[in-house]
N, C-alpha and C. Protein backbone atom coordinates (compact mmCIF):
# COMPACT_ATOMS: atom_id res chain seq x y z
N GLY A 1 3.37 -144.64 -60.43
CA GLY A 1 2.51 -143.51 -60.28
C GLY A 1 3.26 -142.17 -60.16
N GLN A 2 4.59 -142.19 -60.09
CA GLN A 2 5.31 -140.94 -59.88
C GLN A 2 5.16 -139.97 -61.03
N TYR A 3 4.81 -140.42 -62.22
CA TYR A 3 4.64 -139.54 -63.37
C TYR A 3 3.17 -139.19 -63.61
N ASP A 4 2.29 -139.69 -62.78
CA ASP A 4 0.86 -139.43 -62.90
C ASP A 4 0.54 -138.17 -62.09
N THR A 5 0.57 -137.02 -62.77
CA THR A 5 0.44 -135.73 -62.06
C THR A 5 -0.82 -135.58 -61.20
N PRO A 6 -1.93 -136.15 -61.55
CA PRO A 6 -3.08 -136.04 -60.64
C PRO A 6 -2.84 -136.68 -59.26
N LEU A 7 -1.90 -137.61 -59.18
CA LEU A 7 -1.59 -138.26 -57.90
C LEU A 7 -0.62 -137.45 -57.03
N TRP A 8 0.01 -136.43 -57.61
CA TRP A 8 1.05 -135.69 -56.89
C TRP A 8 0.57 -135.08 -55.57
N PRO A 9 -0.59 -134.44 -55.50
CA PRO A 9 -1.00 -133.88 -54.20
C PRO A 9 -1.08 -134.94 -53.09
N ALA A 10 -1.62 -136.10 -53.41
CA ALA A 10 -1.72 -137.17 -52.41
C ALA A 10 -0.33 -137.69 -52.05
N MET A 11 0.55 -137.78 -53.05
CA MET A 11 1.92 -138.24 -52.78
C MET A 11 2.66 -137.24 -51.89
N ARG A 12 2.51 -135.94 -52.19
CA ARG A 12 3.14 -134.91 -51.36
C ARG A 12 2.66 -135.02 -49.91
N ALA A 13 1.36 -135.19 -49.74
CA ALA A 13 0.79 -135.31 -48.40
C ALA A 13 1.33 -136.55 -47.68
N ALA A 14 1.46 -137.65 -48.39
CA ALA A 14 1.98 -138.88 -47.79
C ALA A 14 3.45 -138.71 -47.38
N ILE A 15 4.23 -138.08 -48.24
CA ILE A 15 5.66 -137.86 -47.92
C ILE A 15 5.79 -136.89 -46.75
N ALA A 16 5.03 -135.80 -46.78
CA ALA A 16 5.08 -134.82 -45.68
C ALA A 16 4.67 -135.46 -44.36
N GLY A 17 3.65 -136.31 -44.40
CA GLY A 17 3.21 -137.00 -43.18
C GLY A 17 4.29 -137.90 -42.62
N ARG A 18 5.02 -138.54 -43.50
CA ARG A 18 6.10 -139.42 -43.06
C ARG A 18 7.29 -138.63 -42.51
N VAL A 19 7.67 -137.54 -43.19
CA VAL A 19 8.81 -136.73 -42.79
C VAL A 19 8.59 -136.12 -41.41
N ILE A 20 7.38 -135.70 -41.13
CA ILE A 20 7.09 -135.03 -39.86
C ILE A 20 7.15 -135.97 -38.65
N GLU A 21 7.26 -137.26 -38.90
CA GLU A 21 7.31 -138.24 -37.82
C GLU A 21 8.61 -138.18 -37.02
N LYS A 22 9.67 -137.60 -37.59
CA LYS A 22 10.97 -137.53 -36.92
C LYS A 22 11.51 -136.10 -37.03
N THR A 23 12.41 -135.78 -36.13
CA THR A 23 13.09 -134.48 -36.20
C THR A 23 14.18 -134.54 -37.28
N ARG A 24 14.69 -133.39 -37.62
CA ARG A 24 15.79 -133.32 -38.60
C ARG A 24 16.96 -134.19 -38.13
N ASP A 25 17.32 -134.08 -36.86
CA ASP A 25 18.47 -134.83 -36.34
C ASP A 25 18.19 -136.33 -36.31
N GLU A 26 16.95 -136.73 -36.04
CA GLU A 26 16.61 -138.15 -36.08
C GLU A 26 16.73 -138.71 -37.50
N TRP A 27 16.28 -137.92 -38.49
CA TRP A 27 16.42 -138.37 -39.88
C TRP A 27 17.89 -138.45 -40.27
N ALA A 28 18.69 -137.47 -39.86
CA ALA A 28 20.12 -137.48 -40.18
C ALA A 28 20.78 -138.73 -39.60
N GLU A 29 20.44 -139.07 -38.37
CA GLU A 29 21.01 -140.27 -37.74
C GLU A 29 20.53 -141.53 -38.46
N PHE A 30 19.27 -141.55 -38.84
CA PHE A 30 18.71 -142.70 -39.55
C PHE A 30 19.45 -142.97 -40.86
N PHE A 31 19.76 -141.91 -41.62
CA PHE A 31 20.39 -142.07 -42.92
C PHE A 31 21.92 -142.09 -42.85
N ALA A 32 22.51 -141.80 -41.70
CA ALA A 32 23.97 -141.68 -41.59
C ALA A 32 24.70 -142.95 -42.01
N ALA A 33 24.13 -144.10 -41.72
CA ALA A 33 24.82 -145.37 -42.01
C ALA A 33 24.43 -145.93 -43.37
N THR A 34 23.77 -145.15 -44.21
CA THR A 34 23.35 -145.64 -45.52
C THR A 34 24.12 -144.91 -46.62
N ASP A 35 23.93 -145.37 -47.84
CA ASP A 35 24.54 -144.68 -48.97
C ASP A 35 23.54 -143.77 -49.66
N ALA A 36 22.43 -143.48 -48.98
CA ALA A 36 21.42 -142.56 -49.53
C ALA A 36 21.99 -141.14 -49.58
N CYS A 37 21.59 -140.40 -50.55
CA CYS A 37 22.06 -139.02 -50.71
C CYS A 37 21.14 -138.11 -49.90
N VAL A 38 21.37 -138.08 -48.59
CA VAL A 38 20.55 -137.31 -47.65
C VAL A 38 21.48 -136.55 -46.73
N ALA A 39 21.20 -135.29 -46.52
CA ALA A 39 21.99 -134.47 -45.60
C ALA A 39 21.07 -133.45 -44.94
N PRO A 40 21.31 -133.15 -43.67
CA PRO A 40 20.47 -132.15 -42.99
C PRO A 40 20.80 -130.74 -43.49
N VAL A 41 19.83 -129.86 -43.41
CA VAL A 41 20.06 -128.45 -43.71
C VAL A 41 20.48 -127.81 -42.40
N LEU A 42 21.71 -127.30 -42.36
CA LEU A 42 22.29 -126.76 -41.14
C LEU A 42 22.37 -125.25 -41.19
N SER A 43 22.31 -124.63 -40.01
CA SER A 43 22.59 -123.20 -39.94
C SER A 43 24.10 -123.02 -40.13
N LEU A 44 24.55 -121.80 -40.36
CA LEU A 44 25.99 -121.57 -40.52
C LEU A 44 26.76 -121.95 -39.26
N VAL A 45 26.17 -121.71 -38.10
CA VAL A 45 26.84 -122.08 -36.85
C VAL A 45 26.96 -123.61 -36.76
N GLU A 46 25.87 -124.32 -37.06
CA GLU A 46 25.92 -125.79 -37.02
C GLU A 46 26.89 -126.33 -38.06
N ALA A 47 26.92 -125.74 -39.23
CA ALA A 47 27.79 -126.22 -40.31
C ALA A 47 29.26 -126.15 -39.91
N ARG A 48 29.63 -125.09 -39.20
CA ARG A 48 31.04 -124.95 -38.77
C ARG A 48 31.49 -126.12 -37.92
N HIS A 49 30.56 -126.66 -37.12
CA HIS A 49 30.93 -127.70 -36.15
C HIS A 49 30.58 -129.11 -36.62
N HIS A 50 30.01 -129.25 -37.80
CA HIS A 50 29.64 -130.57 -38.30
C HIS A 50 30.91 -131.38 -38.58
N PRO A 51 30.96 -132.64 -38.16
CA PRO A 51 32.17 -133.46 -38.36
C PRO A 51 32.63 -133.52 -39.81
N HIS A 52 31.72 -133.59 -40.74
CA HIS A 52 32.07 -133.64 -42.18
C HIS A 52 32.87 -132.39 -42.57
N ASN A 53 32.39 -131.21 -42.16
CA ASN A 53 33.07 -129.97 -42.52
C ASN A 53 34.37 -129.78 -41.76
N ARG A 54 34.43 -130.23 -40.52
CA ARG A 54 35.67 -130.16 -39.74
C ARG A 54 36.74 -131.04 -40.38
N ALA A 55 36.37 -132.25 -40.77
CA ALA A 55 37.33 -133.19 -41.37
C ALA A 55 37.90 -132.64 -42.68
N ARG A 56 37.12 -131.88 -43.41
CA ARG A 56 37.55 -131.35 -44.70
C ARG A 56 38.06 -129.92 -44.62
N GLN A 57 38.15 -129.41 -43.40
CA GLN A 57 38.63 -128.04 -43.17
C GLN A 57 37.87 -127.06 -44.06
N SER A 58 36.55 -127.17 -44.01
CA SER A 58 35.68 -126.34 -44.86
C SER A 58 35.54 -124.91 -44.37
N PHE A 59 36.00 -124.65 -43.15
CA PHE A 59 35.96 -123.30 -42.60
C PHE A 59 37.35 -122.90 -42.17
N VAL A 60 37.70 -121.63 -42.38
CA VAL A 60 39.02 -121.13 -42.03
C VAL A 60 38.89 -119.88 -41.17
N GLN A 61 39.89 -119.66 -40.33
CA GLN A 61 39.93 -118.47 -39.49
C GLN A 61 40.46 -117.30 -40.31
N ALA A 62 39.75 -116.19 -40.28
CA ALA A 62 40.16 -114.98 -40.99
C ALA A 62 39.97 -113.82 -40.04
N GLY A 63 41.06 -113.40 -39.40
CA GLY A 63 40.93 -112.37 -38.37
C GLY A 63 40.17 -112.94 -37.20
N ARG A 64 39.14 -112.24 -36.76
CA ARG A 64 38.32 -112.74 -35.66
C ARG A 64 37.19 -113.62 -36.15
N LEU A 65 37.04 -113.77 -37.44
CA LEU A 65 35.93 -114.51 -38.01
C LEU A 65 36.35 -115.89 -38.49
N GLU A 66 35.45 -116.82 -38.38
CA GLU A 66 35.63 -118.13 -39.01
C GLU A 66 34.69 -118.13 -40.22
N ARG A 67 35.26 -118.35 -41.40
CA ARG A 67 34.51 -118.21 -42.65
C ARG A 67 34.60 -119.48 -43.47
N PRO A 68 33.62 -119.69 -44.36
CA PRO A 68 33.74 -120.82 -45.28
C PRO A 68 35.01 -120.67 -46.12
N ALA A 69 35.72 -121.76 -46.30
CA ALA A 69 36.94 -121.75 -47.12
C ALA A 69 36.57 -121.54 -48.58
N PRO A 70 37.46 -120.95 -49.36
CA PRO A 70 37.18 -120.77 -50.78
C PRO A 70 36.99 -122.11 -51.48
N ALA A 71 36.16 -122.10 -52.47
CA ALA A 71 35.92 -123.29 -53.27
C ALA A 71 35.95 -122.87 -54.73
N PRO A 72 36.31 -123.74 -55.64
CA PRO A 72 36.80 -125.09 -55.41
C PRO A 72 38.24 -125.08 -54.92
N ARG A 73 38.66 -126.21 -54.38
CA ARG A 73 40.05 -126.34 -53.92
C ARG A 73 40.80 -127.23 -54.90
N PHE A 74 41.93 -126.74 -55.35
CA PHE A 74 42.78 -127.51 -56.24
C PHE A 74 44.10 -127.80 -55.53
N SER A 75 44.72 -128.91 -55.86
CA SER A 75 45.91 -129.34 -55.14
C SER A 75 47.12 -128.41 -55.34
N GLN A 76 47.20 -127.71 -56.45
CA GLN A 76 48.39 -126.90 -56.70
C GLN A 76 48.10 -125.40 -56.76
N SER A 77 46.89 -125.01 -56.42
CA SER A 77 46.54 -123.59 -56.44
C SER A 77 46.24 -123.12 -55.02
N PRO A 78 46.89 -122.07 -54.57
CA PRO A 78 46.64 -121.60 -53.21
C PRO A 78 45.24 -120.99 -53.10
N GLN A 79 44.66 -121.14 -51.92
CA GLN A 79 43.37 -120.52 -51.65
C GLN A 79 43.57 -119.06 -51.29
N THR A 80 42.64 -118.24 -51.70
CA THR A 80 42.70 -116.82 -51.37
C THR A 80 41.35 -116.39 -50.83
N LEU A 81 41.37 -115.83 -49.62
CA LEU A 81 40.14 -115.30 -49.05
C LEU A 81 39.93 -113.87 -49.49
N ALA A 82 38.68 -113.49 -49.67
CA ALA A 82 38.37 -112.10 -49.97
C ALA A 82 38.74 -111.25 -48.75
N ALA A 83 39.03 -109.99 -48.97
CA ALA A 83 39.40 -109.09 -47.87
C ALA A 83 38.24 -108.95 -46.89
N ILE A 84 38.60 -108.86 -45.61
CA ILE A 84 37.61 -108.69 -44.56
C ILE A 84 37.39 -107.19 -44.36
N PRO A 85 36.15 -106.74 -44.25
CA PRO A 85 35.92 -105.33 -43.98
C PRO A 85 36.61 -104.91 -42.68
N ALA A 86 37.18 -103.73 -42.65
CA ALA A 86 37.89 -103.26 -41.46
C ALA A 86 36.99 -103.29 -40.23
N SER A 87 35.72 -103.03 -40.40
CA SER A 87 34.80 -103.02 -39.25
C SER A 87 34.66 -104.39 -38.61
N ALA A 88 34.91 -105.47 -39.35
CA ALA A 88 34.77 -106.81 -38.81
C ALA A 88 35.89 -107.17 -37.84
N ASN A 89 37.01 -106.49 -37.92
CA ASN A 89 38.14 -106.79 -37.02
C ASN A 89 38.19 -105.88 -35.79
N ARG A 90 37.29 -104.93 -35.71
CA ARG A 90 37.26 -104.06 -34.54
C ARG A 90 36.61 -104.76 -33.36
N ASP A 91 37.04 -104.40 -32.16
CA ASP A 91 36.40 -104.94 -30.97
C ASP A 91 35.00 -104.33 -30.86
N PRO A 92 34.03 -105.17 -30.47
CA PRO A 92 32.69 -104.65 -30.31
C PRO A 92 32.64 -103.56 -29.24
N ALA A 93 31.87 -102.54 -29.48
CA ALA A 93 31.79 -101.43 -28.51
C ALA A 93 30.78 -101.71 -27.44
C-alpha cells in the first residue's frame, strides 16, 4: 500500500501516532543497537557532546569557539578553518 497515494494520509497519521509514543532520546536508545539508519536531530550544543562526534573529532577549538571541523577530510590534505571574526575573540563586555 505504500504506493497507493489515497492511503498516505492514514499512513502518515499511523506513523505519527507511533512516533509520539516515545521521546527523541527513547527512540535513539531503541535504535542504537540496530543497523537501522536512524539518528536523532541534535542541537549544535548536543552535537558537540555526542559520543559519535567526539570519537571522530567532528568539532575543533578555534580561539574561544568550538566549531564544526571542515569537511570532507582527506588523509593527506590539511584541514583549514575559515577565519574567525575579530569580535568573536573579544571578551564579553
